[in-house]
C-alpha cells in the first residue's frame, strides 16, 4: 500500500514539474500610463534614455526596410493586422466563455 502511495505521489509531482517547466516566462508586463512612464523615467533617466534610443533605432530600421521594399512592408503590415485581429477574436471568445462558465458555490 505504501509503495503505491509513494508511486502516485512521485508521478503527481513529476507532472507538476513538467507543467511548470513548460509555462512561458513573464511577458513584457502591463502597459503603463503616461504618468507612470514619466515617474519611471524620473527614477531612472539612463534606462529611459536607452529605451527611447532603442525604440528610435528600431523605428529607423523599419522605415529603411519599408523605403527599400514597400511591397514587403505592406505584406508584413497586413500579416500583423491579421494576427492582431485573431488575438482580439480569441480574447473576445475567452471573455464569452468565462461569462458562461459555471461558478463555484459560495462557501
N, C-alpha and C. Protein backbone atom coordinates (compact mmCIF):
# COMPACT_ATOMS: atom_id res chain seq x y z
N UNK A 1 0.82 -1.20 0.00
CA UNK A 1 0.00 0.00 0.00
C UNK A 1 0.87 1.26 0.00
N UNK A 2 1.90 1.29 0.83
CA UNK A 2 2.76 2.46 0.92
C UNK A 2 3.52 2.67 -0.38
N UNK A 3 3.89 1.58 -1.04
CA UNK A 3 4.62 1.69 -2.30
C UNK A 3 3.72 2.34 -3.34
N UNK A 4 2.46 1.95 -3.35
CA UNK A 4 1.51 2.53 -4.32
C UNK A 4 1.34 4.02 -4.05
N UNK A 5 1.22 4.42 -2.81
CA UNK A 5 1.08 5.83 -2.47
C UNK A 5 2.32 6.61 -2.86
N UNK A 6 3.48 6.04 -2.63
CA UNK A 6 4.73 6.68 -2.99
C UNK A 6 4.84 6.84 -4.50
N UNK A 7 4.43 5.82 -5.23
CA UNK A 7 4.47 5.87 -6.69
C UNK A 7 3.52 6.95 -7.22
N UNK A 8 2.31 7.01 -6.70
CA UNK A 8 1.34 8.01 -7.13
C UNK A 8 1.83 9.41 -6.80
N UNK A 9 2.37 9.60 -5.61
CA UNK A 9 2.86 10.92 -5.21
C UNK A 9 4.02 11.36 -6.11
N UNK A 10 4.92 10.44 -6.42
CA UNK A 10 6.05 10.82 -7.27
C UNK A 10 5.61 11.12 -8.69
N UNK A 11 4.64 10.39 -9.22
CA UNK A 11 4.12 10.68 -10.55
C UNK A 11 3.40 12.03 -10.59
N UNK A 12 2.65 12.33 -9.55
CA UNK A 12 1.96 13.62 -9.49
C UNK A 12 2.97 14.77 -9.43
N UNK A 13 4.00 14.62 -8.62
CA UNK A 13 4.98 15.70 -8.52
C UNK A 13 5.76 15.84 -9.83
N UNK A 14 6.00 14.75 -10.52
CA UNK A 14 6.66 14.81 -11.82
C UNK A 14 5.79 15.57 -12.81
N UNK A 15 4.49 15.32 -12.81
CA UNK A 15 3.57 16.02 -13.70
C UNK A 15 3.54 17.51 -13.42
N UNK A 16 3.56 17.89 -12.16
CA UNK A 16 3.56 19.31 -11.80
C UNK A 16 4.85 19.97 -12.26
N UNK A 17 5.97 19.28 -12.10
CA UNK A 17 7.25 19.84 -12.54
C UNK A 17 7.29 20.03 -14.05
N UNK A 18 6.78 19.06 -14.79
CA UNK A 18 6.76 19.16 -16.24
C UNK A 18 5.87 20.32 -16.67
N UNK A 19 4.71 20.47 -16.04
CA UNK A 19 3.80 21.56 -16.39
C UNK A 19 4.45 22.91 -16.07
N UNK A 20 5.13 23.01 -14.95
CA UNK A 20 5.77 24.27 -14.59
C UNK A 20 6.92 24.60 -15.53
N UNK A 21 7.62 23.59 -16.01
CA UNK A 21 8.74 23.81 -16.92
C UNK A 21 8.26 24.31 -18.28
N UNK A 22 7.03 23.99 -18.65
CA UNK A 22 6.52 24.37 -19.95
C UNK A 22 5.80 25.71 -19.94
N UNK A 23 5.61 26.29 -18.78
CA UNK A 23 4.91 27.57 -18.71
C UNK A 23 5.81 28.67 -19.28
N UNK A 24 5.21 29.59 -20.04
CA UNK A 24 6.02 30.68 -20.60
C UNK A 24 6.49 31.61 -19.51
N UNK A 25 7.59 32.29 -19.79
CA UNK A 25 8.15 33.24 -18.83
C UNK A 25 7.32 34.50 -18.79
N UNK A 26 7.72 35.43 -17.97
CA UNK A 26 6.97 36.68 -17.88
C UNK A 26 7.03 37.45 -19.19
N UNK A 27 5.95 38.07 -19.53
CA UNK A 27 5.87 38.85 -20.76
C UNK A 27 6.41 40.25 -20.57
N UNK A 28 6.06 41.14 -21.45
CA UNK A 28 6.58 42.50 -21.36
C UNK A 28 6.03 43.27 -20.17
N UNK A 29 5.01 42.76 -19.54
CA UNK A 29 4.46 43.44 -18.38
C UNK A 29 3.26 44.29 -18.75
N UNK A 30 2.64 44.90 -17.76
CA UNK A 30 1.45 45.71 -18.04
C UNK A 30 1.81 47.00 -18.76
N UNK A 31 0.87 47.50 -19.50
CA UNK A 31 1.08 48.78 -20.18
C UNK A 31 0.95 49.89 -19.15
N UNK A 32 1.82 50.84 -19.26
CA UNK A 32 1.85 51.93 -18.29
C UNK A 32 1.19 53.18 -18.86
N UNK A 33 0.58 53.92 -17.98
CA UNK A 33 0.00 55.20 -18.38
C UNK A 33 1.15 56.19 -18.57
N UNK A 34 0.89 57.29 -19.27
CA UNK A 34 1.95 58.30 -19.46
C UNK A 34 2.53 58.81 -18.14
N UNK A 35 1.67 58.94 -17.13
CA UNK A 35 2.15 59.42 -15.83
C UNK A 35 3.11 58.41 -15.20
N UNK A 36 2.75 57.12 -15.30
CA UNK A 36 3.62 56.08 -14.73
C UNK A 36 4.95 56.01 -15.49
N UNK A 37 4.90 56.16 -16.81
CA UNK A 37 6.13 56.17 -17.60
C UNK A 37 7.02 57.33 -17.17
N UNK A 38 6.41 58.48 -16.96
CA UNK A 38 7.18 59.66 -16.56
C UNK A 38 7.83 59.44 -15.19
N UNK A 39 7.10 58.81 -14.27
CA UNK A 39 7.67 58.53 -12.94
C UNK A 39 8.87 57.60 -13.07
N UNK A 40 8.74 56.57 -13.92
CA UNK A 40 9.85 55.63 -14.10
C UNK A 40 11.05 56.32 -14.73
N UNK A 41 10.78 57.22 -15.68
CA UNK A 41 11.88 57.94 -16.33
C UNK A 41 12.59 58.86 -15.34
N UNK A 42 11.84 59.46 -14.44
CA UNK A 42 12.45 60.33 -13.43
C UNK A 42 13.27 59.51 -12.45
N UNK A 43 12.80 58.29 -12.15
CA UNK A 43 13.52 57.44 -11.20
C UNK A 43 14.80 56.87 -11.81
N UNK A 44 14.80 56.61 -13.13
CA UNK A 44 15.97 56.02 -13.77
C UNK A 44 16.14 56.63 -15.16
N UNK A 45 16.69 57.83 -15.26
CA UNK A 45 16.78 58.52 -16.55
C UNK A 45 17.70 57.82 -17.56
N UNK A 46 18.74 57.12 -17.07
CA UNK A 46 19.65 56.43 -18.00
C UNK A 46 18.92 55.33 -18.75
N UNK A 47 18.18 54.53 -18.01
CA UNK A 47 17.44 53.43 -18.63
C UNK A 47 16.38 53.97 -19.58
N UNK A 48 15.73 55.03 -19.19
CA UNK A 48 14.70 55.65 -20.01
C UNK A 48 15.30 56.15 -21.33
N UNK A 49 16.45 56.80 -21.25
CA UNK A 49 17.10 57.31 -22.45
C UNK A 49 17.52 56.16 -23.36
N UNK A 50 18.01 55.08 -22.76
CA UNK A 50 18.42 53.91 -23.54
C UNK A 50 17.21 53.28 -24.24
N UNK A 51 16.10 53.17 -23.54
CA UNK A 51 14.89 52.60 -24.14
C UNK A 51 14.41 53.47 -25.30
N UNK A 52 14.42 54.78 -25.11
CA UNK A 52 14.00 55.69 -26.18
C UNK A 52 14.92 55.57 -27.38
N UNK A 53 16.21 55.45 -27.13
CA UNK A 53 17.19 55.31 -28.21
C UNK A 53 16.96 54.00 -28.98
N UNK A 54 16.73 52.91 -28.24
CA UNK A 54 16.47 51.62 -28.90
C UNK A 54 15.18 51.67 -29.73
N UNK A 55 14.16 52.32 -29.19
CA UNK A 55 12.90 52.44 -29.91
C UNK A 55 13.09 53.25 -31.20
N UNK A 56 13.84 54.32 -31.10
CA UNK A 56 14.11 55.15 -32.27
C UNK A 56 14.91 54.37 -33.32
N UNK A 57 15.86 53.57 -32.86
CA UNK A 57 16.67 52.77 -33.77
C UNK A 57 15.80 51.75 -34.51
N UNK A 58 14.91 51.07 -33.76
CA UNK A 58 14.01 50.09 -34.41
C UNK A 58 13.10 50.78 -35.41
N UNK A 59 12.61 51.95 -35.04
CA UNK A 59 11.72 52.70 -35.94
C UNK A 59 12.46 53.08 -37.22
N UNK A 60 13.71 53.53 -37.08
CA UNK A 60 14.50 53.90 -38.26
C UNK A 60 14.78 52.70 -39.15
N UNK A 61 15.10 51.55 -38.52
CA UNK A 61 15.35 50.33 -39.30
C UNK A 61 14.10 49.93 -40.07
N UNK A 62 12.96 49.99 -39.40
CA UNK A 62 11.69 49.64 -40.05
C UNK A 62 11.42 50.57 -41.22
N UNK A 63 11.67 51.85 -41.02
CA UNK A 63 11.43 52.83 -42.09
C UNK A 63 12.36 52.58 -43.28
N UNK A 64 13.63 52.27 -43.02
CA UNK A 64 14.57 51.97 -44.10
C UNK A 64 14.12 50.74 -44.89
N UNK A 65 13.66 49.71 -44.18
CA UNK A 65 13.19 48.50 -44.86
C UNK A 65 11.97 48.81 -45.71
N UNK A 66 11.08 49.62 -45.19
CA UNK A 66 9.86 49.97 -45.94
C UNK A 66 10.19 50.84 -47.15
N UNK A 67 11.15 51.73 -47.00
CA UNK A 67 11.55 52.57 -48.13
C UNK A 67 12.21 51.72 -49.21
N UNK A 68 12.99 50.70 -48.79
CA UNK A 68 13.70 49.85 -49.75
C UNK A 68 12.75 48.90 -50.48
N UNK A 69 11.77 48.35 -49.75
CA UNK A 69 10.85 47.38 -50.36
C UNK A 69 9.43 47.61 -49.83
N UNK A 70 8.70 48.57 -50.42
CA UNK A 70 7.37 48.90 -49.92
C UNK A 70 6.38 47.74 -49.99
N UNK A 71 6.52 46.89 -51.00
CA UNK A 71 5.59 45.76 -51.14
C UNK A 71 5.73 44.79 -49.97
N UNK A 72 6.96 44.45 -49.62
CA UNK A 72 7.20 43.54 -48.49
C UNK A 72 6.71 44.17 -47.19
N UNK A 73 6.88 45.48 -47.08
CA UNK A 73 6.45 46.20 -45.89
C UNK A 73 4.93 46.12 -45.75
N UNK A 74 4.22 46.33 -46.84
CA UNK A 74 2.75 46.25 -46.80
C UNK A 74 2.28 44.85 -46.45
N UNK A 75 2.98 43.83 -46.99
CA UNK A 75 2.63 42.44 -46.67
C UNK A 75 2.82 42.17 -45.18
N UNK A 76 3.92 42.66 -44.63
CA UNK A 76 4.20 42.47 -43.20
C UNK A 76 3.14 43.18 -42.35
N UNK A 77 2.76 44.39 -42.75
CA UNK A 77 1.72 45.11 -42.02
C UNK A 77 0.40 44.35 -42.06
N UNK A 78 0.07 43.77 -43.24
CA UNK A 78 -1.17 43.01 -43.36
C UNK A 78 -1.13 41.78 -42.46
N UNK A 79 0.02 41.10 -42.38
CA UNK A 79 0.16 39.95 -41.50
C UNK A 79 -0.02 40.35 -40.05
N UNK A 80 0.58 41.48 -39.67
CA UNK A 80 0.47 41.94 -38.29
C UNK A 80 -0.98 42.28 -37.95
N UNK A 81 -1.69 42.93 -38.88
CA UNK A 81 -3.10 43.26 -38.64
C UNK A 81 -3.93 42.00 -38.49
N UNK A 82 -3.64 40.99 -39.31
CA UNK A 82 -4.37 39.73 -39.24
C UNK A 82 -4.14 39.05 -37.89
N UNK A 83 -2.89 39.03 -37.43
CA UNK A 83 -2.58 38.43 -36.14
C UNK A 83 -3.31 39.17 -35.01
N UNK A 84 -3.30 40.50 -35.08
CA UNK A 84 -3.98 41.28 -34.04
C UNK A 84 -5.47 40.98 -34.04
N UNK A 85 -6.06 40.84 -35.21
CA UNK A 85 -7.49 40.53 -35.30
C UNK A 85 -7.77 39.14 -34.72
N UNK A 86 -6.91 38.17 -35.01
CA UNK A 86 -7.09 36.82 -34.45
C UNK A 86 -7.00 36.86 -32.93
N UNK A 87 -6.03 37.61 -32.41
CA UNK A 87 -5.88 37.71 -30.96
C UNK A 87 -7.10 38.37 -30.33
N UNK A 88 -7.62 39.41 -30.99
CA UNK A 88 -8.79 40.10 -30.46
C UNK A 88 -9.99 39.15 -30.44
N UNK A 89 -10.17 38.39 -31.52
CA UNK A 89 -11.28 37.44 -31.57
C UNK A 89 -11.12 36.37 -30.50
N UNK A 90 -9.88 35.91 -30.29
CA UNK A 90 -9.64 34.90 -29.27
C UNK A 90 -9.96 35.45 -27.88
N UNK A 91 -9.52 36.70 -27.61
CA UNK A 91 -9.82 37.32 -26.31
C UNK A 91 -11.31 37.44 -26.09
N UNK A 92 -12.03 37.88 -27.13
CA UNK A 92 -13.48 38.02 -27.00
C UNK A 92 -14.13 36.67 -26.76
N UNK A 93 -13.65 35.64 -27.44
CA UNK A 93 -14.17 34.30 -27.23
C UNK A 93 -13.92 33.81 -25.81
N UNK A 94 -12.74 34.12 -25.28
CA UNK A 94 -12.42 33.72 -23.92
C UNK A 94 -13.29 34.47 -22.92
N UNK A 95 -13.54 35.75 -23.16
CA UNK A 95 -14.41 36.51 -22.27
C UNK A 95 -15.80 35.89 -22.24
N UNK A 96 -16.31 35.56 -23.42
CA UNK A 96 -17.64 34.97 -23.51
C UNK A 96 -17.65 33.61 -22.81
N UNK A 97 -16.60 32.84 -23.01
CA UNK A 97 -16.51 31.53 -22.36
C UNK A 97 -16.50 31.68 -20.84
N UNK A 98 -15.75 32.64 -20.34
CA UNK A 98 -15.65 32.84 -18.90
C UNK A 98 -16.98 33.34 -18.32
N UNK A 99 -17.72 34.11 -19.08
CA UNK A 99 -19.01 34.59 -18.59
C UNK A 99 -20.02 33.46 -18.50
N UNK A 100 -19.89 32.49 -19.40
CA UNK A 100 -20.82 31.36 -19.41
C UNK A 100 -20.36 30.19 -18.56
N UNK A 101 -19.17 30.28 -18.00
CA UNK A 101 -18.63 29.18 -17.20
C UNK A 101 -19.40 29.06 -15.89
N UNK A 102 -19.58 27.83 -15.42
CA UNK A 102 -20.30 27.66 -14.15
C UNK A 102 -19.47 28.22 -13.00
N UNK A 103 -20.13 28.83 -12.06
CA UNK A 103 -19.48 29.44 -10.91
C UNK A 103 -19.44 28.42 -9.76
N UNK A 104 -18.35 28.42 -9.02
CA UNK A 104 -18.30 27.51 -7.84
C UNK A 104 -19.26 28.03 -6.78
N UNK A 105 -19.81 27.11 -6.01
CA UNK A 105 -20.75 27.54 -4.97
C UNK A 105 -20.04 28.37 -3.91
N UNK A 106 -20.73 29.35 -3.37
CA UNK A 106 -20.18 30.21 -2.32
C UNK A 106 -20.07 29.42 -1.04
N UNK A 107 -19.01 29.68 -0.30
CA UNK A 107 -18.79 28.96 0.97
C UNK A 107 -19.50 29.62 2.10
